Protein backbone atom coordinates (compact mmCIF):
# COMPACT_ATOMS: atom_id res chain seq x y z
CA MET A 1 -42.78 47.74 69.39
CA MET A 2 -41.19 48.06 65.90
CA ARG A 3 -37.60 49.42 65.35
CA ILE A 4 -37.51 52.33 62.99
CA THR A 5 -34.37 53.54 60.86
CA THR A 6 -34.30 56.78 58.89
CA THR A 7 -30.98 56.28 57.56
CA ASP A 8 -31.39 55.08 53.91
CA PRO A 9 -29.29 51.88 53.72
CA MET A 10 -28.29 52.56 50.02
CA THR A 11 -26.72 56.10 50.58
CA LEU A 12 -26.39 56.12 54.28
CA ASN A 13 -28.19 59.47 54.08
CA GLU A 14 -30.73 60.65 56.90
CA VAL A 15 -34.24 60.66 55.53
CA ILE A 16 -35.79 63.93 56.71
CA GLU A 17 -39.44 63.99 55.32
CA VAL A 18 -40.39 60.43 56.47
CA ASP A 19 -44.07 61.26 55.94
CA LYS A 20 -43.36 61.33 52.25
CA ALA A 21 -40.51 58.74 52.09
CA PRO A 22 -40.91 55.29 50.76
CA PHE A 23 -40.20 52.58 53.23
CA LEU A 24 -40.58 48.88 53.90
CA ILE A 25 -41.02 46.66 56.86
CA GLU A 26 -38.59 43.86 57.67
CA GLY A 27 -39.57 40.98 59.99
CA GLU A 28 -42.67 40.78 62.16
CA GLY A 29 -43.56 41.70 65.68
CA PRO A 30 -40.89 43.13 68.18
CA ASN A 31 -38.06 42.13 65.88
CA ALA A 32 -39.59 44.03 62.76
CA ILE A 33 -37.80 47.19 61.46
CA LYS A 34 -39.10 49.83 59.39
CA ILE A 35 -36.65 51.17 56.81
CA TYR A 36 -37.03 54.63 55.13
CA PHE A 37 -35.47 55.30 51.80
CA GLU A 38 -34.72 58.70 50.09
CA SER A 39 -36.27 57.46 46.92
CA GLU A 40 -38.37 54.77 45.36
CA GLN A 41 -35.36 53.75 43.33
CA ASN A 42 -33.23 53.15 46.48
CA ARG A 43 -36.08 50.97 47.83
CA GLU A 44 -36.12 49.00 44.68
CA ASP A 45 -32.40 48.63 44.58
CA TYR A 46 -32.57 47.40 48.18
CA LEU A 47 -35.00 44.87 47.40
CA ALA A 48 -33.03 43.69 44.44
CA ILE A 49 -30.13 42.81 46.76
CA GLU A 50 -29.63 39.03 47.00
CA MET A 51 -30.09 37.87 50.77
CA HIS A 52 -26.91 36.41 52.42
CA GLY A 53 -27.09 32.67 52.36
CA SER A 54 -29.77 32.58 49.64
CA GLY A 55 -27.32 31.93 46.68
CA ASP A 56 -24.67 29.15 46.02
CA LEU A 57 -22.25 29.36 48.90
CA SER A 58 -19.69 26.54 47.68
CA GLY A 59 -17.05 29.30 47.01
CA LEU A 60 -17.57 30.64 50.70
CA LYS A 61 -17.32 27.11 51.95
CA GLU A 62 -14.12 26.62 50.19
CA ILE A 63 -12.72 29.76 51.68
CA PHE A 64 -13.82 28.81 55.32
CA ASP A 65 -12.14 25.29 54.51
CA ALA A 66 -8.90 26.85 53.54
CA MET A 67 -8.77 29.03 56.51
CA ALA A 68 -9.52 26.25 58.85
CA GLU A 69 -6.43 24.48 57.48
CA ASN A 70 -4.17 27.68 57.75
CA PRO A 71 -1.84 27.30 60.86
CA ASN A 72 -1.79 30.98 61.05
CA THR A 73 -5.54 31.12 61.85
CA GLY A 74 -6.02 27.99 63.80
CA SER A 75 -8.99 25.84 63.34
CA ILE A 76 -12.51 27.14 63.18
CA ASN A 77 -14.00 23.57 63.29
């Protein structure tokens, strides 16, 4: 069964009229989620967000490496 959320992820407002609201479905099967939006613009803005891990993560790797060497945080390796 598909999960459904009526909280617009761009505004965190509850979408009341879901029968008229734009939506999209992320994933497939029982792990799929139907996401409703207050407006088509919010849906488009959501789709324009770069997915985590899809860009150049060299800067993030440097941060993790620095934290691993920090005696206050301990090793994460």
